[in-house]
Amino acid sequence: MTPFGITAPGRILFGRGEATKAPGLIGVFGARGVVVHGANPARAAWLVEALGPGVITLPCLGEPTLADLEAALTATRAHRPDWVCALGGGAALDLGKALAALIPAPDGPMEHLEVVGKGLPLKADPLPFIAIPTTAGTGAEVTKNAVIGLPDLGRKVSLRDDRMVARLAIVDPALTDGCPKAVTLASGLDAVTQVIEPYVSVKATPYTDALARPAIGSGMQALMRLMQGEDQEARDRLAWVSLCGGLALANAGLGAVHGFAGVIGGMTGAAHGAICGALLGPVLQANRAVADGVARARLDEVCTLLADGLGSSAEDAPAALQAWAWAEGLPGLAKLGVREEQHGEIIAAARGASSMKGNPVVLPDTALRDILERA
């Protein structure tokens, strides 16, 4: 067996009601902190009030940009916090994680951002980071990177360091109850993608296989149930799938869906989950057309697991997945702002994306172009 390591938070709590333990557990890290929350501060009021007067709050109104991060650093460094907690969707978790990493740093973000910056390791240990997701999709509560947008350059890139993994992650599915259908669909497809891509990744391990494989069919079925109506059991399952995906991708990487998604998100500003959902079916189809051996066997297995929920054959599962997502209201890439004349630029940039290195096969440009046209 090939040796491998495991990167994961120091402690993970999962289950309904577990979020009520957050104030007591966070208080161990110190009295002064920063709570990053989503656009609605009322959703974080219970936590902020319980943590006391040493806490300042910071809203995250969308997927964070470099300008957002720099402004947040200015606002929070002066507070001299002991810790950073993020309560919200993937965007809030990314901003909180980046703040925890950079508040103690003697330099700015560009020293550490990949691709557009120097990509250097952090020079100081991050502050303790506590992650409490309110959507089921990104798995950002257990990953070691924070995605930051640079709209002027049309890119999204990562700030990445093993020390950025949360000290504490609390995944309480009750916090996702009542999530709007469109958000549930996009984030849920991201969750499903993030158990599929690590499973077929060239960097897969027995640890990531154990997390990812059982979650593929379960995640698809839970998401389909939630498109029919609110269901706590399905919320619980999808939250578990999201957590499994975050742990799997942190240790086995991703693939072409995310290789494309970072580029497209930076160029268009479209929501990450929607982009991943649009790409998943076409990427599966393209990978199966090229793969052989173990890679083809794993892709066939994924398609069989998806087909069980979709009511299709394994051969037709990628197309059936795409048709189902469209029928539920997921927009295609054109509606998300991707123009055909941008395809060449997207392909060139995606080839250099870190996620593309995990794809089970090397896809030729013709296949990459076909993916963009189909999505």
Protein backbone atom coordinates (compact mmCIF):
# COMPACT_ATOMS: atom_id res chain seq x y z
CA MET A 1 0.00 0.00 0.00
CA THR A 2 1.33 3.43 -0.93
CA PRO A 3 1.99 5.57 2.17
CA PHE A 4 -0.34 8.50 2.74
CA GLY A 5 -1.11 11.16 5.34
CA ILE A 6 -4.37 12.51 6.75
CA THR A 7 -5.13 16.21 7.12
CA ALA A 8 -8.19 17.02 9.24
CA PRO A 9 -9.37 19.47 11.91
CA GLY A 10 -8.32 18.87 15.49
CA ARG A 11 -11.94 18.17 16.41
CA ILE A 12 -15.14 17.68 14.41
CA LEU A 13 -18.64 17.66 15.87
CA PHE A 14 -21.49 16.41 13.69
CA GLY A 15 -25.19 16.26 14.39
CA ARG A 16 -28.35 18.20 15.09
CA GLY A 17 -27.98 20.50 18.07
CA GLU A 18 -24.18 20.34 18.15
CA ALA A 19 -23.92 24.05 17.34
CA THR A 20 -25.24 24.87 20.82
CA LYS A 21 -21.87 23.70 22.17
CA ALA A 22 -19.99 26.33 20.15
CA PRO A 23 -19.83 29.21 22.69
CA GLY A 24 -18.28 27.08 25.42
CA LEU A 25 -15.82 25.40 23.08
CA ILE A 26 -14.75 28.64 21.38
CA GLY A 27 -14.26 30.40 24.72
CA VAL A 28 -11.35 28.06 25.46
CA PHE A 29 -9.31 29.87 22.82
CA GLY A 30 -9.63 33.27 24.51
CA ALA A 31 -12.02 36.12 25.19
CA ARG A 32 -11.29 38.24 22.11
CA GLY A 33 -12.43 37.02 18.74
CA VAL A 34 -13.85 37.71 15.30
CA VAL A 35 -17.08 36.16 14.03
CA VAL A 36 -17.44 36.21 10.26
CA HIS A 37 -21.03 35.70 9.13
CA GLY A 38 -23.10 35.85 5.96
CA ALA A 39 -25.23 38.69 4.66
CA ASN A 40 -27.84 38.33 7.42
CA PRO A 41 -26.28 39.15 10.83
CA ALA A 42 -29.38 37.88 12.63
CA ARG A 43 -28.34 34.29 11.84
CA ALA A 44 -25.18 34.77 13.92
CA ALA A 45 -26.74 36.78 16.76
CA TRP A 46 -27.17 33.75 19.04
CA LEU A 47 -23.46 32.97 18.84
CA VAL A 48 -22.19 36.56 19.14
CA GLU A 49 -24.36 37.24 22.19
CA ALA A 50 -23.21 34.05 23.90
CA LEU A 51 -19.53 34.82 23.28
CA GLY A 52 -19.66 38.17 25.02
CA PRO A 53 -18.29 41.70 24.60
CA GLY A 54 -14.83 40.74 23.39
CA VAL A 55 -16.19 39.75 19.98
CA ILE A 56 -16.39 41.82 16.81
CA THR A 57 -18.39 40.76 13.76
CA LEU A 58 -17.64 40.94 10.08
CA PRO A 59 -20.16 40.34 7.27
CA CYS A 60 -19.26 38.37 4.15
CA LEU A 61 -21.63 39.51 1.41
CA GLY A 62 -20.36 37.24 -1.36
CA GLU A 63 -17.45 35.09 -2.44
CA PRO A 64 -14.47 37.02 -1.00
CA THR A 65 -12.16 39.05 -3.21
CA LEU A 66 -8.64 40.24 -2.51
CA ALA A 67 -10.03 43.71 -1.77
CA ASP A 68 -12.53 42.19 0.70
CA LEU A 69 -9.74 40.27 2.42
CA GLU A 70 -7.45 43.29 2.68
CA ALA A 71 -10.26 45.45 4.12
CA ALA A 72 -11.14 42.70 6.60
CA LEU A 73 -7.51 42.41 7.71
CA THR A 74 -7.37 46.14 8.39
CA ALA A 75 -10.57 45.95 10.42
CA THR A 76 -9.63 42.88 12.47
CA ARG A 77 -5.89 43.22 13.14
CA ALA A 78 -6.55 46.30 15.27
CA HIS A 79 -8.83 44.19 17.50
CA ARG A 80 -5.94 41.78 18.28
CA PRO A 81 -8.19 38.70 18.36
CA ASP A 82 -7.33 35.37 19.96
CA TRP A 83 -9.36 33.41 17.40
CA VAL A 84 -11.56 33.64 14.30
CA CYS A 85 -14.89 31.86 13.87
CA ALA A 86 -16.85 31.69 10.61
CA LEU A 87 -20.56 30.92 10.67
CA GLY A 88 -22.08 30.75 7.19
CA GLY A 89 -21.71 29.30 3.73
CA GLY A 90 -18.51 28.49 1.91
CA ALA A 91 -17.72 32.15 1.19
CA ALA A 92 -17.86 33.12 4.87
CA LEU A 93 -15.75 30.10 5.80
CA ASP A 94 -13.14 31.03 3.19
CA LEU A 95 -12.93 34.62 4.43
CA GLY A 96 -12.71 33.53 8.06
CA LYS A 97 -10.04 30.95 7.28
CA ALA A 98 -7.97 33.50 5.36
CA LEU A 99 -8.26 36.01 8.21
CA ALA A 100 -7.14 33.45 10.77
CA ALA A 101 -4.13 32.71 8.59
CA LEU A 102 -3.12 36.29 7.83
CA ILE A 103 -3.94 38.34 10.93
CA PRO A 104 -0.68 37.18 12.58
CA ALA A 105 1.29 37.38 9.32
CA PRO A 106 3.99 40.05 8.95
CA ASP A 107 3.16 40.51 5.26
CA GLY A 108 0.18 40.72 2.91
CA PRO A 109 -1.92 38.18 1.00
CA MET A 110 0.07 38.40 -2.25
CA GLU A 111 3.06 36.78 -0.56
CA HIS A 112 1.00 33.63 -0.07
CA LEU A 113 -1.67 33.43 -2.80
CA GLU A 114 -1.11 30.74 -5.42
CA VAL A 115 -0.74 31.47 -9.16
CA VAL A 116 -1.07 35.28 -8.96
CA GLY A 117 1.18 35.75 -5.91
CA LYS A 118 4.37 34.18 -4.60
CA GLY A 119 2.63 31.15 -3.08
CA LEU A 120 4.98 31.18 -0.07
CA PRO A 121 4.22 29.27 3.15
CA LEU A 122 2.86 31.28 6.04
CA LYS A 123 5.59 32.89 8.17
CA ALA A 124 3.56 32.74 11.38
CA ASP A 125 1.14 30.20 12.79
CA PRO A 126 -2.51 31.07 12.09
CA LEU A 127 -4.94 32.00 14.83
CA PRO A 128 -7.25 29.18 15.94
CA PHE A 129 -10.02 28.90 13.35
CA ILE A 130 -13.50 27.59 14.15
CA ALA A 131 -15.83 26.68 11.28
CA ILE A 132 -19.62 26.35 11.52
CA PRO A 133 -21.20 25.83 8.05
CA THR A 134 -24.80 26.80 7.34
CA THR A 135 -24.93 25.22 3.87
CA ALA A 136 -24.13 21.67 2.75
CA GLY A 137 -21.76 21.83 -0.17
CA THR A 138 -18.27 23.26 -0.03
CA GLY A 139 -16.78 21.22 2.81
CA ALA A 140 -14.66 24.30 3.55
CA GLU A 141 -14.96 23.63 7.27
CA VAL A 142 -12.37 20.87 6.98
CA THR A 143 -10.09 21.99 4.13
CA LYS A 144 -6.67 23.67 4.32
CA ASN A 145 -7.24 26.40 1.73
CA ALA A 146 -9.27 29.57 1.30
CA VAL A 147 -10.45 30.64 -2.15
CA ILE A 148 -10.01 34.33 -2.94
CA GLY A 149 -11.22 36.12 -6.08
CA LEU A 150 -9.23 38.65 -8.09
CA PRO A 151 -11.85 40.19 -10.40
CA ASP A 152 -9.33 42.47 -12.12
CA LEU A 153 -7.40 39.39 -13.24
CA GLY A 154 -10.47 37.22 -13.80
CA ARG A 155 -9.17 34.51 -11.47
CA LYS A 156 -9.96 32.73 -8.24
CA VAL A 157 -6.95 31.36 -6.43
CA SER A 158 -6.18 29.71 -3.10
CA LEU A 159 -4.34 30.68 0.02
CA ARG A 160 -3.12 27.28 1.19
CA ASP A 161 -1.21 25.92 4.16
CA ASP A 162 -1.61 22.73 6.22
CA ARG A 163 -1.84 24.88 9.36
CA MET A 164 -5.00 26.58 8.05
CA VAL A 165 -7.16 23.56 8.90
CA ALA A 166 -9.75 24.45 11.53
CA ARG A 167 -9.07 23.65 15.17
CA LEU A 168 -12.78 22.95 15.54
CA ALA A 169 -15.45 22.23 12.93
CA ILE A 170 -19.09 21.97 13.99
CA VAL A 171 -21.43 20.57 11.34
CA ASP A 172 -25.00 20.94 12.56
CA PRO A 173 -27.48 20.00 9.79
CA ALA A 174 -30.21 22.01 11.57
CA LEU A 175 -28.41 25.16 10.44
CA THR A 176 -29.15 24.17 6.81
CA ASP A 177 -32.89 23.62 7.34
CA GLY A 178 -34.98 25.82 5.08
CA CYS A 179 -32.09 26.70 2.80
CA PRO A 180 -33.58 28.07 -0.47
CA LYS A 181 -34.06 25.51 -3.24
CA ALA A 182 -31.62 27.14 -5.68
CA VAL A 183 -28.89 27.32 -3.02
CA THR A 184 -29.57 23.74 -1.94
CA LEU A 185 -29.33 22.55 -5.56
CA ALA A 186 -26.08 24.35 -6.37
CA SER A 187 -24.34 23.61 -3.07
CA GLY A 188 -25.64 20.03 -3.08
CA LEU A 189 -24.22 19.39 -6.54
CA ASP A 190 -20.91 20.78 -5.29
CA ALA A 191 -21.07 18.30 -2.40
CA VAL A 192 -21.74 15.40 -4.77
CA THR A 193 -18.91 16.56 -7.05
CA GLN A 194 -16.57 16.66 -4.09
CA VAL A 195 -17.10 13.01 -3.24
CA ILE A 196 -16.85 11.95 -6.88
CA GLU A 197 -13.66 13.78 -7.86
CA PRO A 198 -11.53 12.56 -4.90
CA TYR A 199 -12.75 9.01 -5.50
CA VAL A 200 -11.56 9.01 -9.13
CA SER A 201 -8.51 11.20 -8.40
CA VAL A 202 -5.02 9.96 -9.19
CA LYS A 203 -4.22 10.88 -5.56
CA ALA A 204 -6.98 8.78 -3.96
CA THR A 205 -6.08 6.81 -0.82
CA PRO A 206 -7.85 4.11 1.23
CA TYR A 207 -8.85 6.87 3.68
CA THR A 208 -10.44 9.08 1.02
CA ASP A 209 -12.07 6.06 -0.66
CA ALA A 210 -13.71 5.10 2.63
CA LEU A 211 -15.21 8.58 2.92
CA ALA A 212 -16.09 9.26 -0.69
CA ARG A 213 -17.52 6.09 -2.19
CA PRO A 214 -20.45 5.52 0.24
CA ALA A 215 -21.39 9.21 -0.05
CA ILE A 216 -21.83 9.34 -3.84
CA GLY A 217 -25.19 7.59 -4.18
CA SER A 218 -26.40 8.79 -0.78
CA GLY A 219 -25.65 12.41 -1.64
CA MET A 220 -27.40 12.26 -4.98
CA GLN A 221 -30.50 10.67 -3.47
CA ALA A 222 -30.63 13.17 -0.58
CA LEU A 223 -30.35 16.09 -2.99
CA MET A 224 -33.11 14.72 -5.20
CA ARG A 225 -35.34 14.33 -2.14
CA LEU A 226 -34.73 17.95 -1.10
CA MET A 227 -35.79 19.16 -4.53
CA GLN A 228 -39.19 17.62 -3.78
CA GLY A 229 -39.56 19.35 -0.41
CA GLU A 230 -38.01 20.01 2.98
CA ASP A 231 -36.81 16.87 4.73
CA GLN A 232 -34.64 16.78 7.87
CA GLU A 233 -33.26 13.30 7.21
CA ALA A 234 -32.16 14.35 3.72
CA ARG A 235 -30.60 17.54 5.18
CA ASP A 236 -28.66 15.37 7.63
CA ARG A 237 -27.42 13.07 4.87
CA LEU A 238 -26.39 15.92 2.60
CA ALA A 239 -24.51 17.64 5.43
CA TRP A 240 -22.65 14.38 6.05
CA VAL A 241 -21.83 14.04 2.35
CA SER A 242 -20.51 17.62 2.32
CA LEU A 243 -18.28 16.89 5.32
CA CYS A 244 -17.00 13.69 3.70
CA GLY A 245 -16.26 15.60 0.50
CA GLY A 246 -14.29 18.26 2.34
CA LEU A 247 -12.18 15.66 4.13
CA ALA A 248 -11.68 13.68 0.92
CA LEU A 249 -10.64 16.63 -1.23
CA ALA A 250 -8.28 17.92 1.46
CA ASN A 251 -6.39 14.63 1.17
CA ALA A 252 -6.88 13.46 -2.44
CA GLY A 253 -7.46 16.63 -4.43
CA LEU A 254 -10.14 17.18 -7.05
CA GLY A 255 -10.35 17.09 -10.85
CA ALA A 256 -11.40 18.80 -14.05
CA VAL A 257 -14.72 20.11 -12.68
CA HIS A 258 -12.91 22.22 -10.11
CA GLY A 259 -10.03 22.92 -12.48
CA PHE A 260 -12.56 24.68 -14.70
CA ALA A 261 -14.68 26.09 -11.87
CA GLY A 262 -11.98 28.28 -10.34
CA VAL A 263 -11.25 29.86 -13.69
CA ILE A 264 -14.88 30.36 -14.69
CA GLY A 265 -15.80 31.72 -11.27
CA GLY A 266 -13.03 34.28 -11.47
CA MET A 267 -14.06 35.36 -14.96
CA THR A 268 -17.81 35.55 -14.42
CA GLY A 269 -18.42 35.94 -10.71
CA ALA A 270 -20.98 33.12 -10.93
CA ALA A 271 -21.66 30.98 -7.86
CA HIS A 272 -19.14 28.17 -7.43
CA GLY A 273 -21.69 25.43 -6.78
CA ALA A 274 -23.73 26.30 -9.86
CA ILE A 275 -20.61 26.14 -12.02
CA CYS A 276 -19.65 22.74 -10.61
CA GLY A 277 -23.18 21.43 -11.12
CA ALA A 278 -23.17 22.53 -14.76
CA LEU A 279 -19.81 20.86 -15.40
CA LEU A 280 -20.19 17.56 -13.53
CA GLY A 281 -22.12 15.56 -16.14
CA PRO A 282 -20.02 16.67 -19.14
CA VAL A 283 -16.75 16.05 -17.26
CA LEU A 284 -17.82 12.55 -16.23
CA GLN A 285 -18.72 11.81 -19.84
CA ALA A 286 -15.42 13.14 -21.17
CA ASN A 287 -13.34 11.27 -18.59
CA ARG A 288 -15.09 7.96 -19.34
CA ALA A 289 -14.46 8.38 -23.05
CA VAL A 290 -10.69 8.57 -22.49
CA ALA A 291 -10.06 6.48 -19.36
CA ASP A 292 -9.06 2.84 -19.18
CA GLY A 293 -7.93 0.40 -16.51
CA VAL A 294 -8.51 1.41 -12.88
CA ALA A 295 -9.60 4.92 -13.82
CA ARG A 296 -12.32 3.63 -16.16
CA ALA A 297 -13.48 1.09 -13.57
CA ARG A 298 -13.89 3.81 -10.94
CA LEU A 299 -15.71 6.12 -13.32
CA ASP A 300 -18.06 3.28 -14.29
CA GLU A 301 -18.69 2.64 -10.60
CA VAL A 302 -19.53 6.31 -10.03
CA CYS A 303 -21.97 6.27 -12.93
CA THR A 304 -23.65 3.14 -11.56
CA LEU A 305 -24.09 4.78 -8.16
CA LEU A 306 -25.59 7.89 -9.76
CA ALA A 307 -27.83 5.85 -12.05
CA ASP A 308 -29.47 4.12 -9.08
CA GLY A 309 -30.96 7.45 -7.97
CA LEU A 310 -31.55 8.93 -11.40
CA GLY A 311 -33.34 5.87 -12.76
CA SER A 312 -31.05 5.64 -15.78
CA SER A 313 -28.45 3.23 -17.07
CA ALA A 314 -24.85 3.71 -15.96
CA GLU A 315 -23.93 4.59 -19.54
CA ASP A 316 -26.51 7.38 -19.63
CA ALA A 317 -25.93 8.62 -16.05
CA PRO A 318 -23.83 11.71 -16.96
CA ALA A 319 -26.46 12.95 -19.42
CA ALA A 320 -29.31 12.02 -17.05
CA LEU A 321 -27.64 13.96 -14.24
CA GLN A 322 -27.31 17.03 -16.41
CA ALA A 323 -30.92 16.78 -17.63
CA TRP A 324 -32.19 16.41 -14.06
CA ALA A 325 -30.21 19.43 -12.84
CA TRP A 326 -31.48 21.57 -15.71
CA ALA A 327 -35.07 20.46 -15.02
CA GLU A 328 -34.62 21.55 -11.38
CA GLY A 329 -33.55 25.02 -12.51
CA LEU A 330 -29.76 24.85 -12.59
CA PRO A 331 -28.45 27.26 -15.27
CA GLY A 332 -25.94 26.21 -17.90
CA LEU A 333 -22.60 27.94 -18.36
CA ALA A 334 -23.95 30.34 -20.97
CA LYS A 335 -26.57 31.60 -18.52
CA LEU A 336 -23.83 31.90 -15.89
CA GLY A 337 -21.97 34.34 -18.15
CA VAL A 338 -19.55 32.15 -20.12
CA ARG A 339 -19.23 33.22 -23.75
CA GLU A 340 -18.10 30.82 -26.49
CA GLU A 341 -15.23 33.11 -27.47
CA GLN A 342 -13.84 32.68 -23.93
CA HIS A 343 -13.51 28.91 -24.20
CA GLY A 344 -9.91 28.95 -25.40
CA GLU A 345 -8.82 31.26 -22.60
CA ILE A 346 -10.66 29.15 -20.02
CA ILE A 347 -9.02 25.94 -21.27
CA ALA A 348 -5.53 27.45 -21.17
CA ALA A 349 -6.01 28.75 -17.64
CA ALA A 350 -7.67 25.57 -16.37
CA ARG A 351 -4.72 23.46 -17.47
CA GLY A 352 -2.59 25.28 -14.89
CA ALA A 353 -5.12 24.91 -12.06
CA SER A 354 -4.03 22.77 -9.11
CA SER A 355 -7.31 20.81 -9.16
CA MET A 356 -6.69 19.63 -12.71
CA LYS A 357 -3.68 17.63 -11.49
CA GLY A 358 -5.97 15.17 -9.73
CA ASN A 359 -8.11 14.37 -12.77
CA PRO A 360 -8.00 10.63 -13.54
CA VAL A 361 -6.94 11.22 -17.16
CA VAL A 362 -5.26 13.98 -19.13
CA LEU A 363 -7.99 15.40 -21.35
CA PRO A 364 -7.02 16.81 -24.77
CA ASP A 365 -8.10 20.33 -25.70
CA THR A 366 -10.83 18.94 -27.96
CA ALA A 367 -12.38 17.15 -24.99
CA LEU A 368 -12.08 20.22 -22.76
CA ARG A 369 -13.76 22.35 -25.40
CA ASP A 370 -16.54 19.79 -25.77
CA ILE A 371 -17.14 19.91 -22.00
CA LEU A 372 -17.60 23.68 -22.11
CA GLU A 373 -19.94 23.44 -25.07
CA ARG A 374 -22.06 20.72 -23.43
CA ALA A 375 -22.23 22.47 -20.04
